[in-house]
Amino acid sequence: MVEGLIPGDFVLVFRNEVIRRIDETEAHQIEAALACVEAAMTGKAADTDAAFADILANTGKLPEHLERMRSA
């Protein structure tokens, strides 16, 4: 459970459990990536470069939250 959440906070949820608080930018990145995957799964065209721009811009680097876990 993530402490101190207030209405309007963005959170990452997996299997009905809040994993962590995220900022609005990351929330939009996740939303774009999921929309792209959904489009691909239903046979619709998807702009993968736009949906995964954050990954393409940082190839070979872990996201901050994963880097912290690796360094711990």
Protein backbone atom coordinates (compact mmCIF):
# COMPACT_ATOMS: atom_id res chain seq x y z
CA MET A 1 0.00 0.00 0.00
CA VAL A 2 1.26 3.45 -0.90
CA GLU A 3 0.80 5.96 1.90
CA GLY A 4 -0.52 9.49 1.57
CA LEU A 5 -2.47 9.19 -1.67
CA ILE A 6 -4.98 11.90 -2.40
CA PRO A 7 -7.69 12.14 -5.07
CA GLY A 8 -6.06 13.11 -8.34
CA ASP A 9 -2.78 11.26 -7.71
CA PHE A 10 -1.59 9.01 -10.52
CA VAL A 11 -0.76 5.46 -9.47
CA LEU A 12 0.53 2.33 -11.16
CA VAL A 13 -1.81 -0.59 -10.45
CA PHE A 14 -1.26 -4.32 -11.00
CA ARG A 15 -3.92 -6.89 -10.14
CA ASN A 16 -5.95 -4.34 -8.19
CA GLU A 17 -2.95 -3.37 -6.03
CA VAL A 18 -1.27 0.04 -6.09
CA ILE A 19 2.39 -0.53 -6.91
CA ARG A 20 3.60 3.06 -6.64
CA ARG A 21 2.74 6.70 -7.22
CA ILE A 22 3.71 8.01 -10.66
CA ASP A 23 3.78 11.49 -12.14
CA GLU A 24 1.47 12.73 -14.88
CA THR A 25 4.14 12.37 -17.58
CA GLU A 26 4.73 8.71 -16.77
CA ALA A 27 0.97 8.11 -16.61
CA HIS A 28 0.59 9.46 -20.16
CA GLN A 29 3.56 7.39 -21.36
CA ILE A 30 2.01 4.23 -19.94
CA GLU A 31 -1.38 5.11 -21.43
CA ALA A 32 0.18 5.64 -24.88
CA ALA A 33 2.10 2.36 -24.69
CA LEU A 34 -0.98 0.39 -23.64
CA ALA A 35 -3.08 1.98 -26.40
CA CYS A 36 -0.40 0.99 -28.92
CA VAL A 37 -0.34 -2.60 -27.68
CA GLU A 38 -4.14 -2.75 -27.80
CA ALA A 39 -4.14 -1.42 -31.37
CA ALA A 40 -1.57 -4.00 -32.42
CA MET A 41 -3.55 -6.81 -30.78
CA THR A 42 -6.72 -5.83 -32.62
CA GLY A 43 -5.03 -5.42 -36.01
CA LYS A 44 -5.17 -1.63 -36.07
CA ALA A 45 -2.32 0.64 -37.14
CA ALA A 46 -0.20 1.94 -34.29
CA ASP A 47 2.59 4.50 -34.09
CA THR A 48 5.09 2.50 -32.06
CA ASP A 49 7.79 5.16 -32.25
CA ALA A 50 5.48 7.70 -30.59
CA ALA A 51 4.05 5.23 -28.08
CA PHE A 52 7.47 4.08 -26.91
CA ALA A 53 9.43 7.31 -27.44
CA ASP A 54 10.70 7.33 -23.85
CA ILE A 55 12.22 3.87 -24.31
CA LEU A 56 13.72 4.69 -27.71
CA ALA A 57 15.29 7.85 -26.28
CA ASN A 58 16.91 5.91 -23.43
CA THR A 59 17.92 2.62 -25.03
CA GLY A 60 20.20 0.70 -22.69
CA LYS A 61 19.13 2.61 -19.58
CA LEU A 62 16.80 1.34 -16.90
CA PRO A 63 13.97 3.57 -15.66
CA GLU A 64 14.86 5.32 -12.39
CA HIS A 65 12.62 3.09 -10.25
CA LEU A 66 14.25 -0.07 -11.64
CA GLU A 67 17.76 1.36 -11.35
CA ARG A 68 17.12 2.09 -7.66
CA MET A 69 16.02 -1.53 -7.15
CA ARG A 70 19.10 -2.85 -8.95
CA SER A 71 21.43 -0.64 -6.89
CA ALA A 72 19.83 -1.62 -3.56
